[in-house]
Amino acid sequence: MRVRLMAAGAALAAVMVQPAAAAPSTGQRVATTGCAFAGVTATCLMIKGPDGTIYDITGITPRPRRLDRAIRVRGTVTDKASICNQGIVLDRIRWSRTRQQCSN
């Protein structure tokens, strides 16, 4: 019984210690598809990647008029400061609208 508990504990510890996804480095190109949403500050625009990473896409031009559809975003990670204080700031952003609907 004690051996089983120790084995179960070791397996649980191995799962809990797995490394988290590394944040992209400055200059790296990032591509993600998702629903854009307003950031903490009203003028900020964010998008969440598939791994849960939040990207600051406030510099997107032209801005999507409506946020009811998912967008496909490609951008370069930058170390620029942002008034949003949220997410990884992307620069040189290209985007396109998809057919996927976003829930409000």
PDB file of N, CA and C in Angstrom:
ATOM      1  N   MET A   1       0.821  -1.189   0.000  1.00  0.00           N
ATOM      2  CA  MET A   1       0.000   0.000   0.000  1.00  0.00           C
ATOM      3  C   MET A   1       0.867   1.257   0.000  1.00  0.00           C
ATOM      4  N   ARG A   2       1.895   1.232   0.854  1.00  0.00           N
ATOM      5  CA  ARG A   2       2.774   2.384   0.969  1.00  0.00           C
ATOM      6  C   ARG A   2       3.547   2.615  -0.336  1.00  0.00           C
ATOM      7  N   VAL A   3       3.936   1.544  -1.006  1.00  0.00           N
ATOM      8  CA  VAL A   3       4.669   1.646  -2.272  1.00  0.00           C
ATOM      9  C   VAL A   3       3.780   2.299  -3.335  1.00  0.00           C
ATOM     10  N   ARG A   4       2.520   1.929  -3.365  1.00  0.00           N
ATOM     11  CA  ARG A   4       1.581   2.515  -4.335  1.00  0.00           C
ATOM     12  C   ARG A   4       1.412   4.012  -4.088  1.00  0.00           C
ATOM     13  N   LEU A   5       1.282   4.388  -2.828  1.00  0.00           N
ATOM     14  CA  LEU A   5       1.142   5.807  -2.506  1.00  0.00           C
ATOM     15  C   LEU A   5       2.375   6.596  -2.914  1.00  0.00           C
ATOM     16  N   MET A   6       3.541   6.026  -2.684  1.00  0.00           N
ATOM     17  CA  MET A   6       4.783   6.710  -3.063  1.00  0.00           C
ATOM     18  C   MET A   6       4.887   6.831  -4.584  1.00  0.00           C
ATOM     19  N   ALA A   7       4.500   5.787  -5.304  1.00  0.00           N
ATOM     20  CA  ALA A   7       4.539   5.833  -6.770  1.00  0.00           C
ATOM     21  C   ALA A   7       3.544   6.863  -7.296  1.00  0.00           C
ATOM     22  N   ALA A   8       2.357   6.915  -6.708  1.00  0.00           N
ATOM     23  CA  ALA A   8       1.356   7.895  -7.134  1.00  0.00           C
ATOM     24  C   ALA A   8       1.843   9.310  -6.838  1.00  0.00           C
ATOM     25  N   GLY A   9       2.481   9.497  -5.687  1.00  0.00           N
ATOM     26  CA  GLY A   9       3.027  10.813  -5.341  1.00  0.00           C
ATOM     27  C   GLY A   9       4.128  11.239  -6.295  1.00  0.00           C
ATOM     28  N   ALA A  10       4.992  10.307  -6.664  1.00  0.00           N
ATOM     29  CA  ALA A  10       6.077  10.620  -7.604  1.00  0.00           C
ATOM     30  C   ALA A  10       5.517  10.983  -8.976  1.00  0.00           C
ATOM     31  N   ALA A  11       4.479  10.270  -9.414  1.00  0.00           N
ATOM     32  CA  ALA A  11       3.866  10.573 -10.712  1.00  0.00           C
ATOM     33  C   ALA A  11       3.203  11.942 -10.690  1.00  0.00           C
ATOM     34  N   LEU A  12       2.533  12.275  -9.609  1.00  0.00           N
ATOM     35  CA  LEU A  12       1.894  13.585  -9.475  1.00  0.00           C
ATOM     36  C   LEU A  12       2.936  14.696  -9.461  1.00  0.00           C
ATOM     37  N   ALA A  13       4.025  14.490  -8.764  1.00  0.00           N
ATOM     38  CA  ALA A  13       5.095  15.487  -8.716  1.00  0.00           C
ATOM     39  C   ALA A  13       5.708  15.702 -10.092  1.00  0.00           C
ATOM     40  N   ALA A  14       5.858  14.645 -10.864  1.00  0.00           N
ATOM     41  CA  ALA A  14       6.421  14.771 -12.214  1.00  0.00           C
ATOM     42  C   ALA A  14       5.503  15.589 -13.111  1.00  0.00           C
ATOM     43  N   VAL A  15       4.209  15.409 -12.962  1.00  0.00           N
ATOM     44  CA  VAL A  15       3.256  16.179 -13.777  1.00  0.00           C
ATOM     45  C   VAL A  15       3.269  17.643 -13.373  1.00  0.00           C
ATOM     46  N   MET A  16       3.357  17.914 -12.086  1.00  0.00           N
ATOM     47  CA  MET A  16       3.313  19.290 -11.593  1.00  0.00           C
ATOM     48  C   MET A  16       4.578  20.071 -11.912  1.00  0.00           C
ATOM     49  N   VAL A  17       5.694  19.405 -12.128  1.00  0.00           N
ATOM     50  CA  VAL A  17       6.972  20.065 -12.347  1.00  0.00           C
ATOM     51  C   VAL A  17       7.255  20.307 -13.829  1.00  0.00           C
ATOM     52  N   GLN A  18       6.372  19.891 -14.715  1.00  0.00           N
ATOM     53  CA  GLN A  18       6.626  20.082 -16.145  1.00  0.00           C
ATOM     54  C   GLN A  18       6.797  21.560 -16.444  1.00  0.00           C
ATOM     55  N   PRO A  19       7.744  21.897 -17.304  1.00  0.00           N
ATOM     56  CA  PRO A  19       8.007  23.305 -17.583  1.00  0.00           C
ATOM     57  C   PRO A  19       6.839  23.968 -18.308  1.00  0.00           C
ATOM     58  N   ALA A  20       6.623  25.248 -17.979  1.00  0.00           N
ATOM     59  CA  ALA A  20       5.579  26.027 -18.648  1.00  0.00           C
ATOM     60  C   ALA A  20       6.062  26.416 -20.035  1.00  0.00           C
ATOM     61  N   ALA A  21       5.138  26.763 -20.900  1.00  0.00           N
ATOM     62  CA  ALA A  21       5.500  27.187 -22.250  1.00  0.00           C
ATOM     63  C   ALA A  21       6.346  28.455 -22.155  1.00  0.00           C
ATOM     64  N   ALA A  22       7.438  28.477 -22.881  1.00  0.00           N
ATOM     65  CA  ALA A  22       8.335  29.627 -22.852  1.00  0.00           C
ATOM     66  C   ALA A  22       7.702  30.800 -23.585  1.00  0.00           C
ATOM     67  N   ALA A  23       7.864  31.981 -23.021  1.00  0.00           N
ATOM     68  CA  ALA A  23       7.350  33.185 -23.663  1.00  0.00           C
ATOM     69  C   ALA A  23       8.181  33.461 -24.906  1.00  0.00           C
ATOM     70  N   PRO A  24       7.542  33.949 -25.964  1.00  0.00           N
ATOM     71  CA  PRO A  24       8.300  34.250 -27.181  1.00  0.00           C
ATOM     72  C   PRO A  24       9.299  35.375 -26.929  1.00  0.00           C
ATOM     73  N   SER A  25      10.431  35.305 -27.595  1.00  0.00           N
ATOM     74  CA  SER A  25      11.469  36.311 -27.405  1.00  0.00           C
ATOM     75  C   SER A  25      11.287  37.470 -28.371  1.00  0.00           C
ATOM     76  N   THR A  26      11.901  38.588 -28.049  1.00  0.00           N
ATOM     77  CA  THR A  26      11.816  39.794 -28.871  1.00  0.00           C
ATOM     78  C   THR A  26      12.303  39.496 -30.289  1.00  0.00           C
ATOM     79  N   GLY A  27      11.550  39.946 -31.269  1.00  0.00           N
ATOM     80  CA  GLY A  27      11.891  39.735 -32.669  1.00  0.00           C
ATOM     81  C   GLY A  27      11.272  38.490 -33.270  1.00  0.00           C
ATOM     82  N   GLN A  28      10.716  37.637 -32.455  1.00  0.00           N
ATOM     83  CA  GLN A  28      10.109  36.400 -32.947  1.00  0.00           C
ATOM     84  C   GLN A  28       8.740  36.697 -33.559  1.00  0.00           C
ATOM     85  N   ARG A  29       8.440  36.045 -34.692  1.00  0.00           N
ATOM     86  CA  ARG A  29       7.129  36.181 -35.337  1.00  0.00           C
ATOM     87  C   ARG A  29       6.150  35.246 -34.639  1.00  0.00           C
ATOM     88  N   VAL A  30       4.949  35.749 -34.386  1.00  0.00           N
ATOM     89  CA  VAL A  30       3.910  34.989 -33.712  1.00  0.00           C
ATOM     90  C   VAL A  30       2.669  34.996 -34.587  1.00  0.00           C
ATOM     91  N   ALA A  31       1.985  33.873 -34.666  1.00  0.00           N
ATOM     92  CA  ALA A  31       0.723  33.780 -35.397  1.00  0.00           C
ATOM     93  C   ALA A  31      -0.296  33.097 -34.502  1.00  0.00           C
ATOM     94  N   THR A  32      -1.486  33.667 -34.438  1.00  0.00           N
ATOM     95  CA  THR A  32      -2.556  33.084 -33.636  1.00  0.00           C
ATOM     96  C   THR A  32      -3.903  33.476 -34.210  1.00  0.00           C
ATOM     97  N   THR A  33      -4.903  32.689 -33.906  1.00  0.00           N
ATOM     98  CA  THR A  33      -6.269  32.977 -34.314  1.00  0.00           C
ATOM     99  C   THR A  33      -7.133  32.958 -33.072  1.00  0.00           C
ATOM    100  N   GLY A  34      -7.971  33.957 -32.938  1.00  0.00           N
ATOM    101  CA  GLY A  34      -8.843  34.026 -31.773  1.00  0.00           C
ATOM    102  C   GLY A  34      -9.732  35.242 -31.827  1.00  0.00           C
ATOM    103  N   CYS A  35     -10.462  35.455 -30.757  1.00  0.00           N
ATOM    104  CA  CYS A  35     -11.373  36.589 -30.649  1.00  0.00           C
ATOM    105  C   CYS A  35     -10.675  37.728 -29.927  1.00  0.00           C
ATOM    106  N   ALA A  36     -10.636  38.885 -30.557  1.00  0.00           N
ATOM    107  CA  ALA A  36     -10.032  40.062 -29.947  1.00  0.00           C
ATOM    108  C   ALA A  36     -10.984  40.577 -28.864  1.00  0.00           C
ATOM    109  N   PHE A  37     -10.406  41.146 -27.817  1.00  0.00           N
ATOM    110  CA  PHE A  37     -11.225  41.686 -26.738  1.00  0.00           C
ATOM    111  C   PHE A  37     -10.562  42.933 -26.175  1.00  0.00           C
ATOM    112  N   ALA A  38     -11.369  43.787 -25.548  1.00  0.00           N
ATOM    113  CA  ALA A  38     -10.860  45.017 -24.959  1.00  0.00           C
ATOM    114  C   ALA A  38     -10.001  44.682 -23.755  1.00  0.00           C
ATOM    115  N   GLY A  39      -8.917  45.421 -23.608  1.00  0.00           N
ATOM    116  CA  GLY A  39      -8.028  45.220 -22.472  1.00  0.00           C
ATOM    117  C   GLY A  39      -8.528  45.958 -21.246  1.00  0.00           C
ATOM    118  N   VAL A  40      -7.668  46.059 -20.249  1.00  0.00           N
ATOM    119  CA  VAL A  40      -8.023  46.754 -19.016  1.00  0.00           C
ATOM    120  C   VAL A  40      -8.341  48.208 -19.309  1.00  0.00           C
ATOM    121  N   THR A  41      -7.525  48.837 -20.142  1.00  0.00           N
ATOM    122  CA  THR A  41      -7.787  50.194 -20.592  1.00  0.00           C
ATOM    123  C   THR A  41      -8.675  50.105 -21.831  1.00  0.00           C
ATOM    124  N   ALA A  42      -9.663  50.976 -21.935  1.00  0.00           N
ATOM    125  CA  ALA A  42     -10.670  50.885 -23.000  1.00  0.00           C
ATOM    126  C   ALA A  42     -10.073  50.916 -24.404  1.00  0.00           C
ATOM    127  N   THR A  43      -8.970  51.613 -24.611  1.00  0.00           N
ATOM    128  CA  THR A  43      -8.394  51.727 -25.950  1.00  0.00           C
ATOM    129  C   THR A  43      -7.513  50.533 -26.326  1.00  0.00           C
ATOM    130  N   CYS A  44      -7.265  49.662 -25.389  1.00  0.00           N
ATOM    131  CA  CYS A  44      -6.386  48.510 -25.630  1.00  0.00           C
ATOM    132  C   CYS A  44      -7.149  47.366 -26.284  1.00  0.00           C
ATOM    133  N   LEU A  45      -6.448  46.619 -27.130  1.00  0.00           N
ATOM    134  CA  LEU A  45      -7.030  45.476 -27.823  1.00  0.00           C
ATOM    135  C   LEU A  45      -6.110  44.279 -27.605  1.00  0.00           C
ATOM    136  N   MET A  46      -6.678  43.172 -27.148  1.00  0.00           N
ATOM    137  CA  MET A  46      -5.913  41.970 -26.807  1.00  0.00           C
ATOM    138  C   MET A  46      -6.447  40.771 -27.568  1.00  0.00           C
ATOM    139  N   ILE A  47      -5.619  39.734 -27.668  1.00  0.00           N
ATOM    140  CA  ILE A  47      -6.040  38.453 -28.220  1.00  0.00           C
ATOM    141  C   ILE A  47      -5.305  37.369 -27.439  1.00  0.00           C
ATOM    142  N   LYS A  48      -5.998  36.267 -27.196  1.00  0.00           N
ATOM    143  CA  LYS A  48      -5.415  35.172 -26.417  1.00  0.00           C
ATOM    144  C   LYS A  48      -4.982  34.067 -27.365  1.00  0.00           C
ATOM    145  N   GLY A  49      -3.735  33.603 -27.204  1.00  0.00           N
ATOM    146  CA  GLY A  49      -3.210  32.506 -28.010  1.00  0.00           C
ATOM    147  C   GLY A  49      -3.742  31.171 -27.516  1.00  0.00           C
ATOM    148  N   PRO A  50      -3.512  30.097 -28.270  1.00  0.00           N
ATOM    149  CA  PRO A  50      -4.023  28.782 -27.893  1.00  0.00           C
ATOM    150  C   PRO A  50      -3.438  28.248 -26.586  1.00  0.00           C
ATOM    151  N   ASP A  51      -2.261  28.739 -26.206  1.00  0.00           N
ATOM    152  CA  ASP A  51      -1.648  28.298 -24.951  1.00  0.00           C
ATOM    153  C   ASP A  51      -1.995  29.207 -23.778  1.00  0.00           C
ATOM    154  N   GLY A  52      -2.889  30.177 -24.017  1.00  0.00           N
ATOM    155  CA  GLY A  52      -3.317  31.082 -22.952  1.00  0.00           C
ATOM    156  C   GLY A  52      -2.532  32.373 -22.872  1.00  0.00           C
ATOM    157  N   THR A  53      -1.494  32.516 -23.686  1.00  0.00           N
ATOM    158  CA  THR A  53      -0.699  33.735 -23.700  1.00  0.00           C
ATOM    159  C   THR A  53      -1.538  34.880 -24.257  1.00  0.00           C
ATOM    160  N   ILE A  54      -1.510  36.019 -23.581  1.00  0.00           N
ATOM    161  CA  ILE A  54      -2.255  37.190 -24.050  1.00  0.00           C
ATOM    162  C   ILE A  54      -1.306  38.099 -24.806  1.00  0.00           C
ATOM    163  N   TYR A  55      -1.723  38.508 -25.997  1.00  0.00           N
ATOM    164  CA  TYR A  55      -0.934  39.404 -26.841  1.00  0.00           C
ATOM    165  C   TYR A  55      -1.635  40.748 -26.940  1.00  0.00           C
ATOM    166  N   ASP A  56      -0.863  41.821 -26.828  1.00  0.00           N
ATOM    167  CA  ASP A  56      -1.357  43.189 -26.971  1.00  0.00           C
ATOM    168  C   ASP A  56      -1.286  43.550 -28.449  1.00  0.00           C
ATOM    169  N   ILE A  57      -2.452  43.666 -29.085  1.00  0.00           N
ATOM    170  CA  ILE A  57      -2.504  44.003 -30.518  1.00  0.00           C
ATOM    171  C   ILE A  57      -3.097  45.394 -30.724  1.00  0.00           C
ATOM    172  N   THR A  58      -2.873  46.286 -29.763  1.00  0.00           N
ATOM    173  CA  THR A  58      -3.411  47.644 -29.834  1.00  0.00           C
ATOM    174  C   THR A  58      -2.895  48.381 -31.066  1.00  0.00           C
ATOM    175  N   GLY A  59      -1.692  48.066 -31.533  1.00  0.00           N
ATOM    176  CA  GLY A  59      -1.101  48.738 -32.686  1.00  0.00           C
ATOM    177  C   GLY A  59      -1.644  48.269 -34.022  1.00  0.00           C
ATOM    178  N   ILE A  60      -2.676  47.458 -34.031  1.00  0.00           N
ATOM    179  CA  ILE A  60      -3.248  46.916 -35.268  1.00  0.00           C
ATOM    180  C   ILE A  60      -3.887  48.036 -36.105  1.00  0.00           C
ATOM    181  N   THR A  61      -3.602  48.046 -37.392  1.00  0.00           N
ATOM    182  CA  THR A  61      -4.236  49.019 -38.294  1.00  0.00           C
ATOM    183  C   THR A  61      -4.625  48.327 -39.583  1.00  0.00           C
ATOM    184  N   PRO A  62      -5.783  48.560 -40.080  1.00  0.00           N
ATOM    185  CA  PRO A  62      -6.894  49.259 -39.421  1.00  0.00           C
ATOM    186  C   PRO A  62      -7.472  48.371 -38.328  1.00  0.00           C
ATOM    187  N   ARG A  63      -8.071  49.008 -37.336  1.00  0.00           N
ATOM    188  CA  ARG A  63      -8.685  48.255 -36.233  1.00  0.00           C
ATOM    189  C   ARG A  63      -9.948  47.561 -36.732  1.00  0.00           C
ATOM    190  N   PRO A  64     -10.212  46.355 -36.246  1.00  0.00           N
ATOM    191  CA  PRO A  64     -11.474  45.700 -36.604  1.00  0.00           C
ATOM    192  C   PRO A  64     -12.651  46.558 -36.135  1.00  0.00           C
ATOM    193  N   ARG A  65     -13.622  46.755 -37.009  1.00  0.00           N
ATOM    194  CA  ARG A  65     -14.772  47.591 -36.642  1.00  0.00           C
ATOM    195  C   ARG A  65     -15.647  46.915 -35.608  1.00  0.00           C
ATOM    196  N   ARG A  66     -15.790  45.606 -35.748  1.00  0.00           N
ATOM    197  CA  ARG A  66     -16.604  44.838 -34.805  1.00  0.00           C
ATOM    198  C   ARG A  66     -15.784  43.662 -34.313  1.00  0.00           C
ATOM    199  N   LEU A  67     -16.049  43.259 -33.101  1.00  0.00           N
ATOM    200  CA  LEU A  67     -15.299  42.154 -32.511  1.00  0.00           C
ATOM    201  C   LEU A  67     -16.155  40.898 -32.417  1.00  0.00           C
ATOM    202  N   ASP A  68     -17.078  40.734 -33.365  1.00  0.00           N
ATOM    203  CA  ASP A  68     -17.989  39.589 -33.330  1.00  0.00           C
ATOM    204  C   ASP A  68     -17.455  38.372 -34.078  1.00  0.00           C
ATOM    205  N   ARG A  69     -16.325  38.521 -34.772  1.00  0.00           N
ATOM    206  CA  ARG A  69     -15.704  37.400 -35.488  1.00  0.00           C
ATOM    207  C   ARG A  69     -14.251  37.249 -35.076  1.00  0.00           C
ATOM    208  N   ALA A  70     -13.787  36.003 -35.111  1.00  0.00           N
ATOM    209  CA  ALA A  70     -12.382  35.724 -34.792  1.00  0.00           C
ATOM    210  C   ALA A  70     -11.490  36.315 -35.889  1.00  0.00           C
ATOM    211  N   ILE A  71     -10.276  36.657 -35.504  1.00  0.00           N
ATOM    212  CA  ILE A  71      -9.315  37.178 -36.475  1.00  0.00           C
ATOM    213  C   ILE A  71      -8.043  36.340 -36.415  1.00  0.00           C
ATOM    214  N   ARG A  72      -7.356  36.297 -37.533  1.00  0.00           N
ATOM    215  CA  ARG A  72      -6.058  35.619 -37.640  1.00  0.00           C
ATOM    216  C   ARG A  72      -5.009  36.723 -37.594  1.00  0.00           C
ATOM    217  N   VAL A  73      -4.084  36.637 -36.652  1.00  0.00           N
ATOM    218  CA  VAL A  73      -3.109  37.700 -36.424  1.00  0.00           C
ATOM    219  C   VAL A  73      -1.698  37.146 -36.571  1.00  0.00           C
ATOM    220  N   ARG A  74      -0.836  37.908 -37.247  1.00  0.00           N
ATOM    221  CA  ARG A  74       0.596  37.626 -37.321  1.00  0.00           C
ATOM    222  C   ARG A  74       1.311  38.911 -36.934  1.00  0.00           C
ATOM    223  N   GLY A  75       2.272  38.801 -36.045  1.00  0.00           N
ATOM    224  CA  GLY A  75       3.002  39.989 -35.613  1.00  0.00           C
ATOM    225  C   GLY A  75       4.358  39.623 -35.054  1.00  0.00           C
ATOM    226  N   THR A  76       5.158  40.635 -34.791  1.00  0.00           N
ATOM    227  CA  THR A  76       6.499  40.463 -34.252  1.00  0.00           C
ATOM    228  C   THR A  76       6.511  40.890 -32.795  1.00  0.00           C
ATOM    229  N   VAL A  77       7.058  40.050 -31.935  1.00  0.00           N
ATOM    230  CA  VAL A  77       7.167  40.377 -30.513  1.00  0.00           C
ATOM    231  C   VAL A  77       8.160  41.518 -30.365  1.00  0.00           C
ATOM    232  N   THR A  78       7.787  42.512 -29.585  1.00  0.00           N
ATOM    233  CA  THR A  78       8.634  43.676 -29.374  1.00  0.00           C
ATOM    234  C   THR A  78       8.784  43.955 -27.884  1.00  0.00           C
ATOM    235  N   ASP A  79       9.784  44.747 -27.543  1.00  0.00           N
ATOM    236  CA  ASP A  79       9.969  45.131 -26.147  1.00  0.00           C
ATOM    237  C   ASP A  79       9.489  46.556 -25.901  1.00  0.00           C
ATOM    238  N   LYS A  80       8.689  47.091 -26.815  1.00  0.00           N
ATOM    239  CA  LYS A  80       8.146  48.436 -26.660  1.00  0.00           C
ATOM    240  C   LYS A  80       7.212  48.492 -25.458  1.00  0.00           C
ATOM    241  N   ALA A  81       7.164  49.654 -24.843  1.00  0.00           N
ATOM    242  CA  ALA A  81       6.259  49.867 -23.717  1.00  0.00           C
ATOM    243  C   ALA A  81       4.853  50.129 -24.251  1.00  0.00           C
ATOM    244  N   SER A  82       3.864  49.783 -23.460  1.00  0.00           N
ATOM    245  CA  SER A  82       2.479  49.990 -23.848  1.00  0.00           C
ATOM    246  C   SER A  82       1.712  50.554 -22.663  1.00  0.00           C
ATOM    247  N   ILE A  83       0.749  51.415 -22.945  1.00  0.00           N
ATOM    248  CA  ILE A  83      -0.071  51.958 -21.859  1.00  0.00           C
ATOM    249  C   ILE A  83      -0.993  50.899 -21.276  1.00  0.00           C
ATOM    250  N   CYS A  84      -1.114  49.787 -21.954  1.00  0.00           N
ATOM    251  CA  CYS A  84      -2.028  48.729 -21.529  1.00  0.00           C
ATOM    252  C   CYS A  84      -1.517  47.947 -20.321  1.00  0.00           C
ATOM    253  N   ASN A  85      -0.204  47.830 -20.178  1.00  0.00           N
ATOM    254  CA  ASN A  85       0.385  47.040 -19.089  1.00  0.00           C
ATOM    255  C   ASN A  85      -0.234  45.650 -18.997  1.00  0.00           C
ATOM    256  N   GLN A  86      -0.452  45.048 -20.148  1.00  0.00           N
ATOM    257  CA  GLN A  86      -1.097  43.734 -20.193  1.00  0.00           C
ATOM    258  C   GLN A  86      -0.647  43.024 -21.455  1.00  0.00           C
ATOM    259  N   GLY A  87      -0.235  41.799 -21.344  1.00  0.00           N
ATOM    260  CA  GLY A  87       0.104  40.990 -22.505  1.00  0.00           C
ATOM    261  C   GLY A  87       1.463  41.304 -23.114  1.00  0.00           C
ATOM    262  N   ILE A  88       1.817  40.498 -24.105  1.00  0.00           N
ATOM    263  CA  ILE A  88       3.057  40.656 -24.857  1.00  0.00           C
ATOM    264  C   ILE A  88       2.747  41.555 -26.052  1.00  0.00           C
ATOM    265  N   VAL A  89       3.477  42.649 -26.173  1.00  0.00           N
ATOM    266  CA  VAL A  89       3.197  43.640 -27.214  1.00  0.00           C
ATOM    267  C   VAL A  89       3.677  43.133 -28.575  1.00  0.00           C
ATOM    268  N   LEU A  90       2.779  43.182 -29.559  1.00  0.00           N
ATOM    269  CA  LEU A  90       3.129  42.815 -30.932  1.00  0.00           C
ATOM    270  C   LEU A  90       3.243  44.064 -31.787  1.00  0.00           C
ATOM    271  N   ASP A  91       4.127  44.018 -32.758  1.00  0.00           N
ATOM    272  CA  ASP A  91       4.377  45.114 -33.693  1.00  0.00           C
ATOM    273  C   ASP A  91       4.328  44.530 -35.101  1.00  0.00           C
ATOM    274  N   ARG A  92       4.228  45.384 -36.111  1.00  0.00           N
ATOM    275  CA  ARG A  92       4.168  44.938 -37.513  1.00  0.00           C
ATOM    276  C   ARG A  92       3.082  43.862 -37.672  1.00  0.00           C
ATOM    277  N   ILE A  93       1.891  44.217 -37.255  1.00  0.00           N
ATOM    278  CA  ILE A  93       0.782  43.267 -37.206  1.00  0.00           C
ATOM    279  C   ILE A  93       0.031  43.227 -38.529  1.00  0.00           C
ATOM    280  N   ARG A  94      -0.220  42.029 -38.996  1.00  0.00           N
ATOM    281  CA  ARG A  94      -1.081  41.783 -40.149  1.00  0.00           C
ATOM    282  C   ARG A  94      -2.226  40.925 -39.639  1.00  0.00           C
ATOM    283  N   TRP A  95      -3.424  41.186 -40.142  1.00  0.00           N
ATOM    284  CA  TRP A  95      -4.562  40.410 -39.664  1.00  0.00           C
ATOM    285  C   TRP A  95      -5.592  40.223 -40.759  1.00  0.00           C
ATOM    286  N   SER A  96      -6.427  39.222 -40.564  1.00  0.00           N
ATOM    287  CA  SER A  96      -7.553  38.976 -41.470  1.00  0.00           C
ATOM    288  C   SER A  96      -8.699  38.383 -40.654  1.00  0.00           C
ATOM    289  N   ARG A  97      -9.888  38.649 -41.101  1.00  0.00           N
ATOM    290  CA  ARG A  97     -11.084  38.160 -40.422  1.00  0.00           C
ATOM    291  C   ARG A  97     -11.357  36.720 -40.843  1.00  0.00           C
ATOM    292  N   THR A  98     -11.903  35.915 -39.936  1.00  0.00           N
ATOM    293  CA  THR A  98     -12.287  34.551 -40.241  1.00  0.00           C
ATOM    294  C   THR A  98     -13.815  34.450 -40.201  1.00  0.00           C
ATOM    295  N   ARG A  99     -14.344  33.279 -40.499  1.00  0.00           N
ATOM    296  CA  ARG A  99     -15.796  33.084 -40.440  1.00  0.00           C
ATOM    297  C   ARG A  99     -16.276  32.667 -39.061  1.00  0.00           C
ATOM    298  N   GLN A 100     -15.348  32.330 -38.183  1.00  0.00           N
ATOM    299  CA  GLN A 100     -15.701  31.863 -36.846  1.00  0.00           C
ATOM    300  C   GLN A 100     -16.330  32.992 -36.023  1.00  0.00           C
ATOM    301  N   GLN A 101     -17.502  32.731 -35.465  1.00  0.00           N
ATOM    302  CA  GLN A 101     -18.202  33.706 -34.621  1.00  0.00           C
ATOM    303  C   GLN A 101     -17.594  33.724 -33.221  1.00  0.00           C
ATOM    304  N   CYS A 102     -17.576  34.900 -32.623  1.00  0.00           N
ATOM    305  CA  CYS A 102     -17.113  35.055 -31.231  1.00  0.00           C
ATOM    306  C   CYS A 102     -18.313  35.189 -30.323  1.00  0.00           C
ATOM    307  N   SER A 103     -18.255  34.535 -29.183  1.00  0.00           N
ATOM    308  CA  SER A 103     -19.323  34.691 -28.200  1.00  0.00           C
ATOM    309  C   SER A 103     -19.018  35.930 -27.365  1.00  0.00           C
ATOM    310  N   ASN A 104     -20.033  36.616 -26.974  1.00  0.00           N
ATOM    311  CA  ASN A 104     -19.835  37.850 -26.202  1.00  0.00           C
ATOM    312  C   ASN A 104     -19.713  37.585 -24.763  1.00  0.00           C
TER     313      ASN A 104
END
